[in-house]
Amino acid sequence: MQETFTNKPNVDELINLFNQLFFERYNTVLIKGEEEPIYLPADNTSPHNRIVFAHGFFASALHEISHWCVAGAKRRELVDFGYWYKPDGRTAEEQREFEKVEVRPQAYEWILSVAAGHRFHFSADNLSSEIGASDHFQENVLKMVHGLLDHDLPERVGMLVEALRIHNNREPLSKNEFKL
């Protein structure tokens, strides 16, 4: 039996677990970064795809993993999956666009967070504009979580949830654990 997480989820344990699950099959590694997060496909500097999360933060690792889980095979060949990103300081309209594309990744992140025993926080990723995650966005994420739990999780999310659940000696996830 694997050792459980310590009092708070340990990012090094998460890195090891992720890399054990996905290195061989997807040629992808999770890396603790010092700067902003980024996804880097294999290139002439590294033979491996790299999910680099910010500042060693557990939540950042789960968030970046979630984006990787959303991305299809073609997107995983592109830096940052080829997604549009507008940095902090978005307008209200730009924030609405951000929220449209963040529902699925944040639903995955919430599910992974619960499986890991880590507290989930909605991310508006727009601190300087003081525009937080809208109620509508939070409701949409919750609906997606409940829908995902009613059906089989996508393969990569399901693999990691199961590994985290076993690693933490916990029961299968329940919709009752996800409330606003």
N, C-alpha and C. Protein backbone atom coordinates (compact mmCIF):
# COMPACT_ATOMS: atom_id res chain seq x y z
N MET A 1 0.84 -1.18 0.00
CA MET A 1 0.00 0.00 0.00
C MET A 1 0.89 1.25 0.00
N GLN A 2 0.45 2.25 -0.77
CA GLN A 2 1.23 3.49 -0.84
C GLN A 2 1.01 4.33 0.41
N GLU A 3 2.01 5.12 0.72
CA GLU A 3 1.93 6.03 1.86
C GLU A 3 0.94 7.15 1.54
N THR A 4 0.18 7.59 2.52
CA THR A 4 -0.79 8.65 2.30
C THR A 4 -0.11 10.02 2.37
N PHE A 5 -0.82 11.03 1.86
CA PHE A 5 -0.31 12.39 1.97
C PHE A 5 -0.16 12.76 3.43
N THR A 6 0.76 13.64 3.71
CA THR A 6 0.95 14.15 5.06
C THR A 6 -0.19 15.10 5.38
N ASN A 7 -0.08 15.88 6.46
CA ASN A 7 -1.16 16.77 6.88
C ASN A 7 -1.68 17.64 5.75
N LYS A 8 -0.82 18.15 4.94
CA LYS A 8 -1.28 18.88 3.77
C LYS A 8 -0.70 18.18 2.54
N PRO A 9 -1.43 18.23 1.45
CA PRO A 9 -0.95 17.52 0.26
C PRO A 9 0.47 17.95 -0.10
N ASN A 10 1.27 16.98 -0.44
CA ASN A 10 2.67 17.20 -0.73
C ASN A 10 2.87 17.24 -2.24
N VAL A 11 3.42 18.33 -2.73
CA VAL A 11 3.58 18.51 -4.17
C VAL A 11 4.58 17.51 -4.76
N ASP A 12 5.59 17.13 -4.01
CA ASP A 12 6.54 16.15 -4.52
C ASP A 12 5.89 14.78 -4.69
N GLU A 13 4.99 14.43 -3.79
CA GLU A 13 4.24 13.18 -3.94
C GLU A 13 3.36 13.24 -5.18
N LEU A 14 2.73 14.39 -5.41
CA LEU A 14 1.89 14.57 -6.59
C LEU A 14 2.73 14.43 -7.86
N ILE A 15 3.89 15.06 -7.88
CA ILE A 15 4.79 14.96 -9.05
C ILE A 15 5.14 13.50 -9.32
N ASN A 16 5.53 12.79 -8.29
CA ASN A 16 5.91 11.38 -8.46
C ASN A 16 4.74 10.55 -8.95
N LEU A 17 3.58 10.77 -8.39
CA LEU A 17 2.39 10.01 -8.78
C LEU A 17 2.03 10.31 -10.24
N PHE A 18 2.01 11.59 -10.60
CA PHE A 18 1.69 11.97 -11.97
C PHE A 18 2.69 11.35 -12.94
N ASN A 19 3.97 11.49 -12.64
CA ASN A 19 4.99 10.99 -13.56
C ASN A 19 4.94 9.46 -13.68
N GLN A 20 4.62 8.77 -12.60
CA GLN A 20 4.46 7.31 -12.68
C GLN A 20 3.31 6.94 -13.60
N LEU A 21 2.24 7.71 -13.54
CA LEU A 21 1.05 7.40 -14.35
C LEU A 21 1.21 7.76 -15.82
N PHE A 22 1.84 8.90 -16.11
CA PHE A 22 1.73 9.47 -17.45
C PHE A 22 3.03 9.56 -18.24
N PHE A 23 4.17 9.33 -17.61
CA PHE A 23 5.42 9.47 -18.34
C PHE A 23 5.51 8.50 -19.51
N GLU A 24 5.35 7.24 -19.23
CA GLU A 24 5.54 6.25 -20.27
C GLU A 24 4.47 6.34 -21.35
N ARG A 25 3.22 6.44 -20.96
CA ARG A 25 2.12 6.42 -21.93
C ARG A 25 2.00 7.72 -22.73
N TYR A 26 2.24 8.86 -22.08
CA TYR A 26 2.04 10.16 -22.72
C TYR A 26 3.33 10.97 -22.88
N ASN A 27 4.46 10.41 -22.47
CA ASN A 27 5.75 11.11 -22.56
C ASN A 27 5.66 12.50 -21.92
N THR A 28 4.96 12.57 -20.80
CA THR A 28 4.70 13.85 -20.14
C THR A 28 5.13 13.79 -18.69
N VAL A 29 5.80 14.87 -18.25
CA VAL A 29 6.24 14.99 -16.87
C VAL A 29 5.70 16.27 -16.25
N LEU A 30 5.49 16.21 -14.95
CA LEU A 30 5.06 17.36 -14.17
C LEU A 30 6.30 17.93 -13.49
N ILE A 31 6.50 19.25 -13.64
CA ILE A 31 7.72 19.89 -13.15
C ILE A 31 7.36 21.11 -12.30
N LYS A 32 8.03 21.22 -11.16
CA LYS A 32 7.89 22.38 -10.28
C LYS A 32 8.68 23.53 -10.89
N GLY A 33 8.00 24.63 -11.21
CA GLY A 33 8.67 25.78 -11.81
C GLY A 33 8.80 26.92 -10.83
N GLU A 34 9.59 27.89 -11.21
CA GLU A 34 9.80 29.07 -10.39
C GLU A 34 9.08 30.30 -10.94
N GLU A 35 8.62 30.20 -12.16
CA GLU A 35 7.97 31.34 -12.82
C GLU A 35 6.50 31.01 -13.06
N GLU A 36 5.93 31.69 -14.06
CA GLU A 36 4.54 31.44 -14.44
C GLU A 36 4.42 30.04 -15.03
N PRO A 37 3.25 29.42 -14.91
CA PRO A 37 3.08 28.07 -15.45
C PRO A 37 3.09 28.07 -16.97
N ILE A 38 3.49 26.93 -17.53
CA ILE A 38 3.50 26.79 -18.99
C ILE A 38 3.53 25.31 -19.33
N TYR A 39 2.91 24.98 -20.45
CA TYR A 39 3.00 23.63 -20.99
C TYR A 39 3.96 23.69 -22.17
N LEU A 40 4.94 22.80 -22.18
CA LEU A 40 5.94 22.76 -23.25
C LEU A 40 5.95 21.36 -23.87
N PRO A 41 5.61 21.27 -25.14
CA PRO A 41 5.70 19.96 -25.79
C PRO A 41 7.16 19.57 -26.00
N ALA A 42 7.39 18.29 -26.23
CA ALA A 42 8.74 17.83 -26.52
C ALA A 42 9.31 18.65 -27.67
N ASP A 43 10.59 18.98 -27.56
CA ASP A 43 11.24 19.78 -28.61
C ASP A 43 12.74 19.47 -28.58
N ASN A 44 13.53 20.32 -29.22
CA ASN A 44 14.97 20.05 -29.27
C ASN A 44 15.68 20.27 -27.93
N THR A 45 15.00 20.87 -26.94
CA THR A 45 15.61 21.05 -25.62
C THR A 45 15.23 19.93 -24.65
N SER A 46 14.13 19.21 -24.96
CA SER A 46 13.70 18.11 -24.09
C SER A 46 12.91 17.09 -24.92
N PRO A 47 13.19 15.82 -24.72
CA PRO A 47 12.44 14.79 -25.44
C PRO A 47 11.06 14.53 -24.83
N HIS A 48 10.73 15.22 -23.72
CA HIS A 48 9.48 14.97 -23.01
C HIS A 48 8.58 16.21 -23.04
N ASN A 49 7.27 15.97 -23.04
CA ASN A 49 6.30 17.04 -22.82
C ASN A 49 6.40 17.43 -21.35
N ARG A 50 6.28 18.73 -21.06
CA ARG A 50 6.46 19.20 -19.69
C ARG A 50 5.30 20.09 -19.26
N ILE A 51 4.70 19.74 -18.15
CA ILE A 51 3.71 20.60 -17.50
C ILE A 51 4.47 21.28 -16.37
N VAL A 52 4.74 22.56 -16.55
CA VAL A 52 5.51 23.32 -15.56
C VAL A 52 4.51 24.17 -14.77
N PHE A 53 4.42 23.91 -13.47
CA PHE A 53 3.47 24.67 -12.65
C PHE A 53 4.22 25.72 -11.83
N ALA A 54 3.48 26.71 -11.35
CA ALA A 54 4.06 27.92 -10.76
C ALA A 54 4.50 27.74 -9.31
N HIS A 55 5.73 28.13 -9.05
CA HIS A 55 6.26 28.37 -7.70
C HIS A 55 6.11 27.18 -6.75
N GLY A 56 5.95 25.99 -7.27
CA GLY A 56 5.82 24.81 -6.42
C GLY A 56 4.48 24.70 -5.71
N PHE A 57 3.48 25.47 -6.15
CA PHE A 57 2.17 25.46 -5.50
C PHE A 57 1.35 24.25 -5.93
N PHE A 58 0.81 23.53 -4.96
CA PHE A 58 -0.01 22.35 -5.22
C PHE A 58 -1.20 22.71 -6.11
N ALA A 59 -1.90 23.79 -5.79
CA ALA A 59 -3.07 24.20 -6.57
C ALA A 59 -2.68 24.50 -8.02
N SER A 60 -1.54 25.13 -8.22
CA SER A 60 -1.08 25.41 -9.58
C SER A 60 -0.83 24.11 -10.35
N ALA A 61 -0.26 23.12 -9.67
CA ALA A 61 -0.01 21.83 -10.31
C ALA A 61 -1.33 21.21 -10.76
N LEU A 62 -2.32 21.20 -9.87
CA LEU A 62 -3.62 20.62 -10.24
C LEU A 62 -4.29 21.40 -11.36
N HIS A 63 -4.15 22.71 -11.34
CA HIS A 63 -4.75 23.54 -12.39
C HIS A 63 -4.11 23.24 -13.75
N GLU A 64 -2.80 23.17 -13.78
CA GLU A 64 -2.11 22.91 -15.04
C GLU A 64 -2.36 21.48 -15.52
N ILE A 65 -2.42 20.53 -14.61
CA ILE A 65 -2.78 19.16 -14.98
C ILE A 65 -4.17 19.14 -15.61
N SER A 66 -5.08 19.92 -15.04
CA SER A 66 -6.45 19.97 -15.55
C SER A 66 -6.49 20.47 -16.98
N HIS A 67 -5.71 21.49 -17.28
CA HIS A 67 -5.65 21.98 -18.67
C HIS A 67 -5.07 20.90 -19.59
N TRP A 68 -4.09 20.17 -19.12
CA TRP A 68 -3.52 19.08 -19.90
C TRP A 68 -4.57 18.00 -20.16
N CYS A 69 -5.40 17.73 -19.16
CA CYS A 69 -6.45 16.73 -19.32
C CYS A 69 -7.53 17.17 -20.31
N VAL A 70 -7.75 18.46 -20.43
CA VAL A 70 -8.72 18.99 -21.40
C VAL A 70 -8.16 18.90 -22.81
N ALA A 71 -6.88 19.17 -22.96
CA ALA A 71 -6.26 19.28 -24.29
C ALA A 71 -6.23 17.93 -25.02
N GLY A 72 -6.65 17.96 -26.27
CA GLY A 72 -6.56 16.78 -27.11
C GLY A 72 -5.14 16.58 -27.63
N ALA A 73 -4.95 15.52 -28.39
CA ALA A 73 -3.62 15.15 -28.87
C ALA A 73 -2.97 16.28 -29.67
N LYS A 74 -3.70 16.92 -30.56
CA LYS A 74 -3.13 18.01 -31.39
C LYS A 74 -2.74 19.20 -30.52
N ARG A 75 -3.59 19.57 -29.58
CA ARG A 75 -3.28 20.70 -28.69
C ARG A 75 -2.05 20.41 -27.84
N ARG A 76 -1.84 19.14 -27.48
CA ARG A 76 -0.68 18.79 -26.66
C ARG A 76 0.63 18.87 -27.44
N GLU A 77 0.56 19.15 -28.72
CA GLU A 77 1.77 19.37 -29.52
C GLU A 77 2.16 20.85 -29.57
N LEU A 78 1.35 21.72 -28.96
CA LEU A 78 1.55 23.17 -29.01
C LEU A 78 1.94 23.75 -27.65
N VAL A 79 2.81 24.76 -27.65
CA VAL A 79 3.15 25.46 -26.41
C VAL A 79 1.86 26.02 -25.80
N ASP A 80 1.68 25.77 -24.51
CA ASP A 80 0.47 26.18 -23.78
C ASP A 80 -0.81 25.76 -24.51
N PHE A 81 -0.71 24.64 -25.23
CA PHE A 81 -1.83 24.04 -25.95
C PHE A 81 -2.39 24.96 -27.03
N GLY A 82 -1.66 26.02 -27.36
CA GLY A 82 -2.10 26.96 -28.39
C GLY A 82 -3.25 27.84 -27.96
N TYR A 83 -3.53 27.89 -26.64
CA TYR A 83 -4.67 28.65 -26.16
C TYR A 83 -4.38 30.14 -26.09
N TRP A 84 -5.41 30.92 -26.27
CA TRP A 84 -5.37 32.36 -26.07
C TRP A 84 -5.26 32.60 -24.57
N TYR A 85 -4.44 33.54 -24.21
CA TYR A 85 -4.37 33.93 -22.81
C TYR A 85 -4.16 35.42 -22.71
N LYS A 86 -5.03 36.07 -21.98
CA LYS A 86 -4.90 37.50 -21.70
C LYS A 86 -4.51 37.61 -20.24
N PRO A 87 -3.39 38.23 -19.96
CA PRO A 87 -2.93 38.30 -18.56
C PRO A 87 -3.85 39.11 -17.66
N ASP A 88 -3.50 39.09 -16.41
CA ASP A 88 -4.22 39.82 -15.38
C ASP A 88 -4.55 41.23 -15.86
N GLY A 89 -5.76 41.68 -15.54
CA GLY A 89 -6.20 43.01 -15.95
C GLY A 89 -7.23 42.96 -17.05
N ARG A 90 -7.93 41.83 -17.18
CA ARG A 90 -8.95 41.70 -18.22
C ARG A 90 -10.15 42.58 -17.93
N THR A 91 -10.84 43.00 -18.99
CA THR A 91 -12.09 43.73 -18.86
C THR A 91 -13.19 42.75 -18.48
N ALA A 92 -14.37 43.26 -18.15
CA ALA A 92 -15.50 42.40 -17.80
C ALA A 92 -15.85 41.47 -18.97
N GLU A 93 -15.82 41.97 -20.19
CA GLU A 93 -16.11 41.14 -21.37
C GLU A 93 -15.04 40.07 -21.55
N GLU A 94 -13.79 40.43 -21.42
CA GLU A 94 -12.70 39.45 -21.51
C GLU A 94 -12.82 38.41 -20.40
N GLN A 95 -13.27 38.85 -19.23
CA GLN A 95 -13.44 37.91 -18.12
C GLN A 95 -14.55 36.91 -18.42
N ARG A 96 -15.63 37.36 -19.06
CA ARG A 96 -16.71 36.44 -19.43
C ARG A 96 -16.19 35.39 -20.42
N GLU A 97 -15.37 35.82 -21.37
CA GLU A 97 -14.76 34.88 -22.32
C GLU A 97 -13.86 33.89 -21.61
N PHE A 98 -13.06 34.39 -20.67
CA PHE A 98 -12.19 33.53 -19.86
C PHE A 98 -13.03 32.47 -19.14
N GLU A 99 -14.12 32.90 -18.53
CA GLU A 99 -14.95 31.96 -17.77
C GLU A 99 -15.57 30.89 -18.67
N LYS A 100 -15.89 31.23 -19.90
CA LYS A 100 -16.46 30.23 -20.82
C LYS A 100 -15.50 29.07 -21.05
N VAL A 101 -14.23 29.37 -21.20
CA VAL A 101 -13.26 28.31 -21.51
C VAL A 101 -12.69 27.65 -20.25
N GLU A 102 -12.95 28.22 -19.09
CA GLU A 102 -12.40 27.67 -17.84
C GLU A 102 -13.33 26.72 -17.10
N VAL A 103 -14.55 26.54 -17.56
CA VAL A 103 -15.49 25.68 -16.83
C VAL A 103 -14.95 24.26 -16.73
N ARG A 104 -14.59 23.65 -17.84
CA ARG A 104 -14.14 22.26 -17.83
C ARG A 104 -12.83 22.10 -17.04
N PRO A 105 -11.79 22.91 -17.31
CA PRO A 105 -10.57 22.72 -16.53
C PRO A 105 -10.78 22.91 -15.02
N GLN A 106 -11.61 23.87 -14.64
CA GLN A 106 -11.81 24.06 -13.21
C GLN A 106 -12.69 22.97 -12.61
N ALA A 107 -13.56 22.37 -13.40
CA ALA A 107 -14.31 21.21 -12.91
C ALA A 107 -13.34 20.05 -12.66
N TYR A 108 -12.44 19.82 -13.61
CA TYR A 108 -11.43 18.77 -13.41
C TYR A 108 -10.57 19.07 -12.19
N GLU A 109 -10.17 20.33 -12.05
CA GLU A 109 -9.32 20.70 -10.92
C GLU A 109 -10.03 20.47 -9.59
N TRP A 110 -11.31 20.79 -9.53
CA TRP A 110 -12.07 20.61 -8.31
C TRP A 110 -12.13 19.11 -7.95
N ILE A 111 -12.40 18.29 -8.94
CA ILE A 111 -12.46 16.84 -8.72
C ILE A 111 -11.11 16.32 -8.25
N LEU A 112 -10.04 16.74 -8.91
CA LEU A 112 -8.70 16.31 -8.51
C LEU A 112 -8.35 16.81 -7.11
N SER A 113 -8.75 18.03 -6.80
CA SER A 113 -8.47 18.60 -5.48
C SER A 113 -9.11 17.77 -4.38
N VAL A 114 -10.37 17.40 -4.56
CA VAL A 114 -11.06 16.60 -3.55
C VAL A 114 -10.39 15.23 -3.43
N ALA A 115 -10.05 14.62 -4.55
CA ALA A 115 -9.37 13.32 -4.51
C ALA A 115 -8.03 13.41 -3.78
N ALA A 116 -7.37 14.57 -3.89
CA ALA A 116 -6.06 14.76 -3.25
C ALA A 116 -6.17 15.26 -1.81
N GLY A 117 -7.38 15.57 -1.36
CA GLY A 117 -7.53 16.11 -0.01
C GLY A 117 -7.06 17.55 0.08
N HIS A 118 -7.20 18.27 -1.01
CA HIS A 118 -6.74 19.67 -1.08
C HIS A 118 -7.94 20.57 -1.28
N ARG A 119 -7.94 21.70 -0.62
CA ARG A 119 -9.06 22.64 -0.75
C ARG A 119 -9.03 23.29 -2.14
N PHE A 120 -10.17 23.33 -2.79
CA PHE A 120 -10.29 23.93 -4.11
C PHE A 120 -10.77 25.38 -3.99
N HIS A 121 -10.19 26.24 -4.81
CA HIS A 121 -10.62 27.64 -4.91
C HIS A 121 -10.88 27.94 -6.37
N PHE A 122 -12.03 28.54 -6.66
CA PHE A 122 -12.29 29.00 -8.02
C PHE A 122 -11.26 30.05 -8.38
N SER A 123 -10.81 30.02 -9.62
CA SER A 123 -9.82 30.98 -10.06
C SER A 123 -10.39 31.87 -11.15
N ALA A 124 -10.42 33.17 -10.86
CA ALA A 124 -10.80 34.14 -11.88
C ALA A 124 -9.56 34.60 -12.62
N ASP A 125 -8.39 34.39 -12.02
CA ASP A 125 -7.11 34.73 -12.64
C ASP A 125 -7.09 36.15 -13.15
N ASN A 126 -7.62 37.08 -12.35
CA ASN A 126 -7.74 38.47 -12.78
C ASN A 126 -7.69 39.38 -11.55
N LEU A 127 -6.61 39.28 -10.81
CA LEU A 127 -6.52 39.95 -9.52
C LEU A 127 -6.53 41.47 -9.61
N SER A 128 -5.84 42.04 -10.59
CA SER A 128 -5.72 43.50 -10.63
C SER A 128 -7.03 44.18 -11.00
N SER A 129 -7.93 43.47 -11.67
CA SER A 129 -9.21 44.07 -12.03
C SER A 129 -10.26 43.87 -10.95
N GLU A 130 -9.90 43.11 -9.92
CA GLU A 130 -10.81 42.82 -8.82
C GLU A 130 -12.12 42.22 -9.30
N ILE A 131 -12.06 41.46 -10.41
CA ILE A 131 -13.22 40.74 -10.91
C ILE A 131 -13.02 39.30 -10.50
N GLY A 132 -13.78 38.86 -9.53
CA GLY A 132 -13.66 37.49 -9.06
C GLY A 132 -14.47 36.53 -9.92
N ALA A 133 -14.43 35.27 -9.56
CA ALA A 133 -15.20 34.26 -10.27
C ALA A 133 -16.69 34.54 -10.04
N SER A 134 -17.43 34.71 -11.11
CA SER A 134 -18.85 35.06 -10.99
C SER A 134 -19.65 33.89 -10.43
N ASP A 135 -20.81 34.20 -9.87
CA ASP A 135 -21.70 33.16 -9.37
C ASP A 135 -22.10 32.23 -10.50
N HIS A 136 -22.38 32.79 -11.66
CA HIS A 136 -22.77 32.00 -12.83
C HIS A 136 -21.66 31.02 -13.20
N PHE A 137 -20.43 31.48 -13.19
CA PHE A 137 -19.29 30.62 -13.49
C PHE A 137 -19.20 29.48 -12.48
N GLN A 138 -19.28 29.82 -11.21
CA GLN A 138 -19.19 28.81 -10.16
C GLN A 138 -20.30 27.77 -10.30
N GLU A 139 -21.51 28.22 -10.61
CA GLU A 139 -22.63 27.29 -10.82
C GLU A 139 -22.37 26.39 -12.02
N ASN A 140 -21.82 26.94 -13.10
CA ASN A 140 -21.51 26.13 -14.28
C ASN A 140 -20.44 25.09 -13.99
N VAL A 141 -19.43 25.46 -13.19
CA VAL A 141 -18.40 24.50 -12.82
C VAL A 141 -19.01 23.39 -11.98
N LEU A 142 -19.85 23.75 -11.01
CA LEU A 142 -20.50 22.74 -10.17
C LEU A 142 -21.36 21.80 -11.01
N LYS A 143 -22.13 22.34 -11.95
CA LYS A 143 -22.95 21.49 -12.84
C LYS A 143 -22.07 20.53 -13.63
N MET A 144 -20.95 21.03 -14.11
CA MET A 144 -20.05 20.16 -14.87
C MET A 144 -19.49 19.07 -13.96
N VAL A 145 -19.08 19.42 -12.75
CA VAL A 145 -18.56 18.42 -11.81
C VAL A 145 -19.60 17.32 -11.60
N HIS A 146 -20.84 17.72 -11.29
CA HIS A 146 -21.90 16.74 -11.05
C HIS A 146 -22.14 15.88 -12.28
N GLY A 147 -22.14 16.50 -13.45
CA GLY A 147 -22.32 15.74 -14.69
C GLY A 147 -21.19 14.74 -14.92
N LEU A 148 -19.97 15.15 -14.66
CA LEU A 148 -18.82 14.26 -14.82
C LEU A 148 -18.89 13.09 -13.85
N LEU A 149 -19.33 13.35 -12.62
CA LEU A 149 -19.42 12.29 -11.63
C LEU A 149 -20.58 11.33 -11.91
N ASP A 150 -21.57 11.80 -12.66
CA ASP A 150 -22.69 10.93 -13.05
C ASP A 150 -22.29 9.95 -14.15
N HIS A 151 -21.21 10.24 -14.84
CA HIS A 151 -20.74 9.42 -15.95
C HIS A 151 -19.29 9.03 -15.67
N ASP A 152 -18.70 8.31 -16.57
CA ASP A 152 -17.29 7.99 -16.41
C ASP A 152 -16.46 9.24 -16.66
N LEU A 153 -15.47 9.46 -15.81
CA LEU A 153 -14.56 10.59 -16.02
C LEU A 153 -13.73 10.33 -17.26
N PRO A 154 -13.29 11.40 -17.95
CA PRO A 154 -12.36 11.21 -19.07
C PRO A 154 -11.13 10.43 -18.59
N GLU A 155 -10.51 9.70 -19.49
CA GLU A 155 -9.47 8.73 -19.12
C GLU A 155 -8.38 9.30 -18.22
N ARG A 156 -7.73 10.39 -18.63
CA ARG A 156 -6.60 10.89 -17.85
C ARG A 156 -7.04 11.42 -16.49
N VAL A 157 -8.19 12.11 -16.45
CA VAL A 157 -8.72 12.59 -15.16
C VAL A 157 -9.04 11.39 -14.28
N GLY A 158 -9.72 10.41 -14.84
CA GLY A 158 -10.10 9.22 -14.07
C GLY A 158 -8.90 8.47 -13.53
N MET A 159 -7.85 8.36 -14.34
CA MET A 159 -6.63 7.67 -13.88
C MET A 159 -6.03 8.38 -12.68
N LEU A 160 -5.93 9.71 -12.76
CA LEU A 160 -5.30 10.46 -11.67
C LEU A 160 -6.20 10.49 -10.44
N VAL A 161 -7.51 10.63 -10.63
CA VAL A 161 -8.43 10.61 -9.49
C VAL A 161 -8.31 9.28 -8.76
N GLU A 162 -8.31 8.19 -9.51
CA GLU A 162 -8.21 6.87 -8.88
C GLU A 162 -6.88 6.72 -8.13
N ALA A 163 -5.79 7.17 -8.73
CA ALA A 163 -4.48 7.07 -8.07
C ALA A 163 -4.45 7.94 -6.81
N LEU A 164 -4.98 9.15 -6.88
CA LEU A 164 -5.01 10.03 -5.70
C LEU A 164 -5.90 9.44 -4.61
N ARG A 165 -7.04 8.89 -5.02
CA ARG A 165 -7.98 8.30 -4.07
C ARG A 165 -7.32 7.13 -3.33
N ILE A 166 -6.67 6.26 -4.07
CA ILE A 166 -5.98 5.12 -3.45
C ILE A 166 -4.82 5.61 -2.58
N HIS A 167 -4.08 6.57 -3.09
CA HIS A 167 -2.94 7.13 -2.36
C HIS A 167 -3.38 7.72 -1.02
N ASN A 168 -4.59 8.26 -0.99
CA ASN A 168 -5.12 8.90 0.21
C ASN A 168 -6.04 8.00 1.02
N ASN A 169 -6.14 6.73 0.63
CA ASN A 169 -7.00 5.78 1.35
C ASN A 169 -8.41 6.30 1.54
N ARG A 170 -9.00 6.81 0.48
CA ARG A 170 -10.33 7.39 0.60
C ARG A 170 -11.33 6.64 -0.27
N GLU A 171 -12.58 6.82 0.06
CA GLU A 171 -13.68 6.20 -0.69
C GLU A 171 -13.83 6.90 -2.04
N PRO A 172 -14.57 6.28 -2.97
CA PRO A 172 -14.85 6.96 -4.25
C PRO A 172 -15.52 8.31 -4.00
N LEU A 173 -15.32 9.24 -4.92
CA LEU A 173 -15.88 10.58 -4.79
C LEU A 173 -17.40 10.53 -4.90
N SER A 174 -18.05 11.46 -4.23
CA SER A 174 -19.50 11.58 -4.24
C SER A 174 -19.88 13.01 -4.60
N LYS A 175 -21.00 13.15 -5.30
CA LYS A 175 -21.48 14.50 -5.65
C LYS A 175 -21.74 15.33 -4.39
N ASN A 176 -22.04 14.68 -3.28
CA ASN A 176 -22.31 15.39 -2.02
C ASN A 176 -21.10 16.17 -1.53
N GLU A 177 -19.91 15.84 -2.00
CA GLU A 177 -18.70 16.54 -1.57
C GLU A 177 -18.49 17.86 -2.31
N PHE A 178 -19.33 18.14 -3.31
CA PHE A 178 -19.14 19.30 -4.18
C PHE A 178 -20.37 20.20 -4.05
N LYS A 179 -20.19 21.29 -3.31
CA LYS A 179 -21.29 22.25 -3.07
C LYS A 179 -20.71 23.65 -3.10
N LEU A 180 -21.56 24.59 -3.45
CA LEU A 180 -21.15 26.01 -3.41
C LEU A 180 -21.39 26.58 -2.03
